[in-house]
Protein backbone atom coordinates (compact mmCIF):
# COMPACT_ATOMS: atom_id res chain seq x y z
CA UNK A 1 58.98 21.38 -95.18
CA UNK A 2 55.59 22.62 -96.39
CA UNK A 3 53.44 21.42 -99.25
CA UNK A 4 49.96 22.23 -100.47
CA UNK A 5 47.33 19.53 -100.80
CA UNK A 6 44.43 21.47 -102.33
CA UNK A 7 43.22 23.72 -99.48
CA UNK A 8 45.18 21.69 -96.95
CA UNK A 9 48.59 22.76 -95.67
CA UNK A 10 50.96 19.98 -94.61
CA UNK A 11 53.88 20.68 -92.27
CA UNK A 12 56.51 18.02 -91.59
CA UNK A 13 59.11 18.26 -88.83
CA UNK A 14 58.58 21.96 -88.24
CA UNK A 15 57.47 21.93 -84.58
CA UNK A 16 59.23 21.98 -81.23
CA UNK A 17 58.51 19.51 -78.44
CA UNK A 18 56.58 22.09 -76.42
CA UNK A 19 54.46 23.10 -79.39
CA UNK A 20 53.72 19.45 -80.14
CA UNK A 21 52.16 19.10 -76.69
CA UNK A 22 50.01 22.15 -77.38
CA UNK A 23 48.86 20.45 -80.57
CA UNK A 24 48.14 17.07 -78.94
CA UNK A 25 45.95 18.48 -76.18
CA UNK A 26 43.48 19.82 -78.79
CA UNK A 27 42.40 16.30 -79.79
CA UNK A 28 39.86 13.97 -78.18
CA UNK A 29 41.75 10.94 -79.54
CA UNK A 30 45.05 12.01 -77.96
CA UNK A 31 46.95 9.22 -76.23
CA UNK A 32 50.26 8.58 -74.55
CA UNK A 33 51.72 6.79 -77.59
CA UNK A 34 51.46 10.01 -79.60
CA UNK A 35 53.43 12.03 -77.04
CA UNK A 36 56.90 13.28 -77.90
CA UNK A 37 58.21 11.80 -74.64
CA UNK A 38 56.99 8.29 -75.42
CA UNK A 39 58.54 8.30 -78.87
CA UNK A 40 61.84 9.74 -77.64
CA UNK A 41 62.17 7.28 -74.77
CA UNK A 42 61.20 4.21 -76.73
CA UNK A 43 62.86 4.92 -80.06
CA UNK A 44 65.13 7.95 -79.73
CA UNK A 45 64.22 11.53 -80.55
CA UNK A 46 66.16 11.39 -83.83
CA UNK A 47 63.86 8.71 -85.21
CA UNK A 48 60.66 10.74 -84.79
CA UNK A 49 58.76 12.66 -87.44
CA UNK A 50 55.87 15.01 -86.70
CA UNK A 51 53.23 15.98 -89.22
CA UNK A 52 50.60 18.70 -88.84
CA UNK A 53 47.75 19.19 -91.29
CA UNK A 54 45.69 22.38 -91.53
CA UNK A 55 42.66 23.27 -93.60
CA UNK A 56 42.44 26.95 -94.49
CA UNK A 57 45.00 27.57 -91.72
CA UNK A 58 42.88 25.71 -89.11
CA UNK A 59 44.44 22.66 -87.43
CA UNK A 60 42.64 19.45 -88.37
CA UNK A 61 45.14 16.64 -87.81
CA UNK A 62 48.53 15.55 -86.49
CA UNK A 63 50.63 12.41 -86.33
CA UNK A 64 53.83 11.31 -84.63
CA UNK A 65 55.66 8.74 -86.72
CA UNK A 66 58.62 6.54 -85.92
CA UNK A 67 61.08 6.36 -88.83
CA UNK A 68 63.53 3.48 -89.25
CA UNK A 69 65.77 3.74 -92.31
CA UNK A 70 68.33 1.31 -93.66
CA UNK A 71 71.68 3.08 -94.14
CA UNK A 72 72.86 3.80 -97.68
CA UNK A 73 69.62 2.83 -99.41
CA UNK A 74 66.30 4.63 -99.73
CA UNK A 75 64.33 2.07 -97.71
CA UNK A 76 62.75 1.62 -94.30
CA UNK A 77 59.52 1.88 -92.36
CA UNK A 78 57.35 4.71 -91.04
CA UNK A 79 55.28 3.48 -88.10
CA UNK A 80 52.33 5.30 -86.54
CA UNK A 81 50.93 3.91 -83.30
CA UNK A 82 47.44 5.09 -82.35
CA UNK A 83 47.38 7.92 -84.85
CA UNK A 84 46.75 10.11 -86.68
CA UNK A 85 45.00 12.46 -84.27
CA UNK A 86 41.95 13.96 -85.97
CA UNK A 87 39.02 14.13 -83.52
CA UNK A 88 39.18 17.71 -82.20
CA UNK A 89 37.43 19.09 -79.14
CA UNK A 90 36.28 22.25 -80.90
CA UNK A 91 34.73 20.76 -84.05
CA UNK A 92 32.68 17.87 -85.38
CA UNK A 93 34.45 14.86 -86.85
CA UNK A 94 34.93 15.30 -90.59
CA UNK A 95 35.63 12.16 -92.62
CA UNK A 96 36.94 14.11 -95.59
CA UNK A 97 39.47 15.78 -93.32
CA UNK A 98 40.49 12.32 -92.11
CA UNK A 99 40.92 11.27 -95.74
CA UNK A 100 43.12 14.28 -96.43
CA UNK A 101 45.29 13.53 -93.39
CA UNK A 102 46.01 9.93 -94.41
CA UNK A 103 46.59 11.09 -97.99
CA UNK A 104 49.18 13.56 -96.71
CA UNK A 105 50.86 10.82 -94.70
CA UNK A 106 50.97 8.51 -97.69
CA UNK A 107 52.33 11.25 -99.94
CA UNK A 108 55.11 12.19 -97.50
CA UNK A 109 56.29 8.85 -96.15
CA UNK A 110 55.53 6.50 -99.05
CA UNK A 111 55.81 8.62 -102.18
CA UNK A 112 58.36 11.20 -101.05
CA UNK A 113 60.56 9.24 -98.61
CA UNK A 114 60.10 5.78 -100.13
CA UNK A 115 59.17 4.14 -96.83
CA UNK A 116 56.81 1.35 -95.89
CA UNK A 117 54.02 3.12 -94.00
CA UNK A 118 52.18 1.27 -91.24
CA UNK A 119 49.32 2.96 -89.40
CA UNK A 120 47.49 1.58 -86.37
CA UNK A 121 44.63 4.06 -85.81
CA UNK A 122 43.33 4.70 -82.31
CA UNK A 123 39.88 3.57 -83.41
CA UNK A 124 37.73 0.71 -82.13
CA UNK A 125 35.81 -1.60 -84.42
CA UNK A 126 32.19 -0.67 -83.76
CA UNK A 127 30.66 1.85 -86.17
CA UNK A 128 34.04 2.67 -87.74
CA UNK A 129 33.73 0.74 -91.01
CA UNK A 130 33.75 4.07 -92.84
CA UNK A 131 37.33 4.77 -91.71
CA UNK A 132 38.52 1.43 -93.00
CA UNK A 133 36.84 2.12 -96.33
CA UNK A 134 38.60 5.48 -96.61
CA UNK A 135 42.01 3.99 -95.82
CA UNK A 136 41.55 1.20 -98.35
CA UNK A 137 40.33 3.64 -100.99
CA UNK A 138 43.55 5.61 -100.45
CA UNK A 139 45.72 2.58 -101.18
CA UNK A 140 46.24 1.05 -97.74
CA UNK A 141 46.04 -2.70 -97.22
CA UNK A 142 44.12 -3.84 -94.17
CA UNK A 143 45.21 -6.40 -91.58
CA UNK A 144 42.96 -7.56 -88.77
CA UNK A 145 43.83 -6.21 -85.34
CA UNK A 146 45.22 -8.56 -82.70
CA UNK A 147 44.38 -6.03 -79.99
CA UNK A 148 41.16 -6.99 -78.23
CA UNK A 149 40.19 -4.96 -75.20
CA UNK A 150 37.36 -3.80 -72.98
CA UNK A 151 36.06 -0.24 -72.86
CA UNK A 152 34.22 0.78 -69.71
CA UNK A 153 31.89 3.73 -70.18
CA UNK A 154 32.49 6.52 -67.66
CA UNK A 155 29.62 8.72 -68.82
CA UNK A 156 27.20 7.45 -66.18
CA UNK A 157 27.31 8.54 -62.52
CA UNK A 158 29.67 6.61 -60.25
CA UNK A 159 26.75 4.96 -58.48
CA UNK A 160 25.48 3.60 -61.80
CA UNK A 161 28.93 2.38 -62.85
CA UNK A 162 29.25 0.52 -59.56
CA UNK A 163 25.77 -1.00 -59.74
CA UNK A 164 26.49 -2.24 -63.29
CA UNK A 165 29.50 -4.27 -62.16
CA UNK A 166 29.31 -8.02 -61.95
CA UNK A 167 27.79 -9.03 -58.60
CA UNK A 168 30.90 -10.87 -57.38
CA UNK A 169 33.18 -8.03 -58.51
CA UNK A 170 31.10 -5.52 -56.61
CA UNK A 171 31.10 -7.82 -53.57
CA UNK A 172 34.90 -8.04 -53.64
CA UNK A 173 35.19 -4.26 -53.97
CA UNK A 174 32.92 -3.72 -50.97
CA UNK A 175 34.99 -6.25 -49.02
CA UNK A 176 38.24 -4.49 -49.95
CA UNK A 177 36.81 -1.16 -48.80
CA UNK A 178 36.36 -2.67 -45.32
CA UNK A 179 39.89 -4.09 -45.09
CA UNK A 180 41.45 -0.89 -43.84
CA UNK A 181 43.47 -0.50 -47.03
CA UNK A 182 44.78 2.92 -48.00
CA UNK A 183 45.55 4.40 -51.42
CA UNK A 184 48.51 6.67 -52.06
CA UNK A 185 48.55 8.33 -55.47
CA UNK A 186 50.43 10.91 -57.47
CA UNK A 187 53.07 11.32 -60.16
CA UNK A 188 56.26 11.15 -58.06
CA UNK A 189 59.14 8.86 -59.15
CA UNK A 190 59.11 7.08 -55.78
CA UNK A 191 55.57 5.84 -56.41
CA UNK A 192 56.53 4.42 -59.79
CA UNK A 193 59.56 2.74 -58.24
CA UNK A 194 57.21 1.06 -55.78
CA UNK A 195 55.01 -0.21 -58.64
CA UNK A 196 58.19 -1.42 -60.35
CA UNK A 197 59.08 -3.64 -57.38
CA UNK A 198 55.58 -5.07 -57.17
CA UNK A 199 55.48 -5.62 -60.95
CA UNK A 200 58.74 -7.57 -60.95
CA UNK A 201 57.40 -9.70 -58.11
CA UNK A 202 54.24 -10.35 -60.14
CA UNK A 203 56.26 -11.36 -63.21
CA UNK A 204 58.38 -13.72 -61.14
CA UNK A 205 55.31 -15.30 -59.54
CA UNK A 206 53.38 -15.80 -62.76
CA UNK A 207 56.41 -16.71 -64.89
CA UNK A 208 55.37 -14.75 -67.99
CA UNK A 209 57.36 -12.59 -70.40
CA UNK A 210 56.13 -9.00 -69.86
CA UNK A 211 55.00 -7.10 -72.91
CA UNK A 212 56.48 -3.87 -71.55
CA UNK A 213 59.88 -2.66 -70.45
CA UNK A 214 59.05 -1.04 -67.15
CA UNK A 215 62.39 0.79 -67.11
CA UNK A 216 61.09 2.88 -70.02
CA UNK A 217 58.22 4.13 -67.88
CA UNK A 218 60.60 5.71 -65.37
CA UNK A 219 62.21 7.80 -68.12
CA UNK A 220 58.82 8.49 -69.70
CA UNK A 221 57.38 9.87 -66.47
CA UNK A 222 60.34 12.22 -66.06
CA UNK A 223 59.95 13.49 -69.63
CA UNK A 224 56.18 14.02 -69.76
CA UNK A 225 54.80 17.51 -69.02
CA UNK A 226 53.15 17.77 -65.62
CA UNK A 227 49.62 18.01 -67.01
CA UNK A 228 49.83 14.60 -68.74
CA UNK A 229 52.12 12.62 -66.44
CA UNK A 230 50.94 9.10 -65.71
CA UNK A 231 48.87 8.63 -62.56
CA UNK A 232 50.46 6.16 -60.14
CA UNK A 233 48.40 4.51 -57.41
CA UNK A 234 49.66 2.31 -54.58
CA UNK A 235 47.42 0.24 -52.33
CA UNK A 236 48.84 -0.23 -48.84
CA UNK A 237 47.99 -2.60 -46.01
CA UNK A 238 49.32 -1.53 -42.62
CA UNK A 239 51.70 0.82 -44.40
CA UNK A 240 53.10 -1.83 -46.74
CA UNK A 241 52.49 -1.68 -50.52
CA UNK A 242 50.48 -4.65 -51.74
CA UNK A 243 49.28 -3.56 -55.19
CA UNK A 244 49.97 -0.90 -57.79
CA UNK A 245 48.28 0.61 -60.83
CA UNK A 246 49.50 3.10 -63.43
CA UNK A 247 47.19 4.85 -65.87
CA UNK A 248 47.10 7.69 -68.37
CA UNK A 249 44.29 10.22 -68.78
CA UNK A 250 44.45 11.87 -72.19
CA UNK A 251 41.58 12.72 -74.50
CA UNK A 252 38.32 10.84 -74.29
CA UNK A 253 39.84 7.49 -73.32
CA UNK A 254 41.94 6.83 -70.25
CA UNK A 255 44.08 3.72 -70.33
CA UNK A 256 45.52 1.29 -67.81
CA UNK A 257 49.26 0.82 -68.44
CA UNK A 258 50.72 -1.23 -65.57
CA UNK A 259 49.00 -3.36 -62.94
CA UNK A 260 50.61 -5.54 -60.30
CA UNK A 261 49.88 -7.28 -56.99
CA UNK A 262 52.44 -8.49 -54.46
CA UNK A 263 52.49 -12.01 -53.08
CA UNK A 264 51.29 -10.72 -49.72
CA UNK A 265 48.45 -8.78 -51.30
CA UNK A 266 46.77 -11.55 -53.28
CA UNK A 267 43.90 -12.04 -50.84
CA UNK A 268 43.41 -8.43 -49.75
CA UNK A 269 41.48 -7.12 -52.75
CA UNK A 270 43.77 -4.18 -53.46
CA UNK A 271 43.38 -4.60 -57.20
CA UNK A 272 39.62 -4.03 -56.86
CA UNK A 273 40.09 -0.89 -54.83
CA UNK A 274 42.71 0.48 -57.24
CA UNK A 275 40.46 0.04 -60.30
CA UNK A 276 37.65 1.85 -58.51
CA UNK A 277 40.05 4.66 -57.63
CA UNK A 278 41.21 4.83 -61.26
CA UNK A 279 37.60 5.10 -62.44
CA UNK A 280 37.12 8.07 -60.12
CA UNK A 281 40.32 9.72 -61.36
CA UNK A 282 39.56 9.27 -65.06
CA UNK A 283 36.07 10.70 -64.63
CA UNK A 284 37.53 13.73 -62.88
CA UNK A 285 39.89 14.22 -65.83
CA UNK A 286 36.97 14.25 -68.25
CA UNK A 287 37.58 10.84 -69.86
CA UNK A 288 34.50 9.20 -71.30
CA UNK A 289 35.92 5.68 -71.39
CA UNK A 290 38.39 3.49 -69.50
CA UNK A 291 40.45 1.23 -71.78
CA UNK A 292 41.44 -1.81 -69.72
CA UNK A 293 44.28 -2.41 -72.19
CA UNK A 294 43.94 -5.87 -73.54
CA UNK A 295 42.09 -9.12 -72.92
CA UNK A 296 42.68 -12.69 -74.02
CA UNK A 297 40.05 -15.10 -72.70
CA UNK A 298 42.00 -18.13 -73.98
CA UNK A 299 45.52 -17.33 -72.77
CA UNK A 300 44.54 -15.38 -69.66
CA UNK A 301 41.04 -16.39 -68.57
CA UNK A 302 41.57 -15.06 -65.05
CA UNK A 303 42.49 -11.60 -66.30
CA UNK A 304 39.54 -11.61 -68.65
CA UNK A 305 37.15 -12.61 -65.88
CA UNK A 306 38.47 -9.85 -63.63
CA UNK A 307 38.19 -7.13 -66.28
CA UNK A 308 34.82 -8.25 -67.61
CA UNK A 309 33.49 -8.36 -64.04
CA UNK A 310 34.60 -4.76 -63.54
CA UNK A 311 32.75 -3.67 -66.67
CA UNK A 312 29.68 -5.80 -66.00
CA UNK A 313 26.81 -4.58 -68.15
CA UNK A 314 28.55 -1.27 -68.82
CA UNK A 315 31.46 -2.53 -70.93
CA UNK A 316 32.24 -2.91 -74.60
CA UNK A 317 34.26 -5.93 -75.75
CA UNK A 318 35.92 -4.66 -78.90
CA UNK A 319 38.89 -4.75 -81.26
CA UNK A 320 40.72 -1.91 -82.95
CA UNK A 321 39.86 -1.43 -86.62
CA UNK A 322 43.16 -2.92 -87.69
CA UNK A 323 46.55 -2.18 -89.16
CA UNK A 324 46.85 -0.36 -92.49
CA UNK A 325 49.95 -0.53 -94.68
CA UNK A 326 51.13 1.09 -97.89
CA UNK A 327 54.37 0.87 -99.86
CA UNK A 328 55.66 1.66 -103.33
CA UNK A 329 59.25 0.69 -102.62
CA UNK A 330 60.17 -2.99 -103.10
CA UNK A 331 63.28 -2.63 -100.92
CA UNK A 332 61.27 -1.17 -98.05
CA UNK A 333 58.70 -3.95 -98.32
CA UNK A 334 61.43 -6.60 -98.31
CA UNK A 335 63.22 -4.99 -95.39
CA UNK A 336 60.04 -4.91 -93.31
CA UNK A 337 59.28 -8.55 -94.11
CA UNK A 338 62.76 -9.71 -93.16
CA UNK A 339 62.77 -7.58 -90.02
CA UNK A 340 59.50 -9.07 -88.82
CA UNK A 341 60.73 -12.62 -89.44
CA UNK A 342 63.78 -11.89 -87.29
CA UNK A 343 61.67 -10.29 -84.57
CA UNK A 344 59.29 -13.26 -84.39
CA UNK A 345 62.23 -15.63 -84.18
CA UNK A 346 63.79 -13.62 -81.36
CA UNK A 347 60.49 -13.47 -79.44
CA UNK A 348 60.05 -17.23 -79.78
CA UNK A 349 63.54 -17.93 -78.47
CA UNK A 350 63.09 -15.45 -75.60
CA UNK A 351 59.93 -17.22 -74.45
CA UNK A 352 61.76 -20.55 -74.45
CA UNK A 353 64.62 -19.27 -72.27
């Protein structure tokens, strides 16, 4: 389908998977959650919608959207995680282009398809108030983000990044480097299987409900093109795996996805060595920041202390700008509300089991 929005051309569901990857790699705000493989593995390929927006035939924006419709009635939700993509490598950021992209999304998914549209932009809070203003001006309601994280700047030389770490963190890293530990890294399935075993051991030891389904990551790694496969790192002591780390390097911001330490590796410092290795890798890939993927000083003070020590004076404690929602369909709004009530109830029961 094609429609004209002034000088902007909007294309919906007109691209192949391979072409989508060509589109995604043109954006500095590209991320793993906007890959075709992630959407297909998590939600099923049939539930995905892909929008491309051009201005005078030049690409300016794209968004992968998950569509969930209720059978027999014109109702459901369109969900965009860490999109739309709009910050291109070959041009300056243009706020009016961003406005046109979200207008196109609202027109297609809210006005045309009658869905409840929820957008979680891949944008951090600092200096981005103008994006929130645009979204609200275009009829989106704002909800505060519950995603707080740390961004470590990778722009500085490695020596500077290391010297900016917390003193104790740097001390532990230096100690780990003298332990005779080795790092094995790559994209092979066997490495991810090794991280899987360590991760399950970590979950069992700590007794928490993981926020990820690690089985999905096996299928995701197989489906991703070679140039954006996740980087898997294993720390070994005397040939035995003691810690693992999985990250993604796309666009300006690399992100940590899975981290785990075995029972035998708790006092060896492998997690310090792996983060330092990941910093090196992300810099080589051209990333400007390392997203440590979530902090909660109240619920997980140890994790917060570890991550903040890594950043030291070179980190940014930030939130995303929030969630933005729009709907003109009462049935879609009701369906989303009921669905979220059921999901919260299920999560609560699962934690009690």
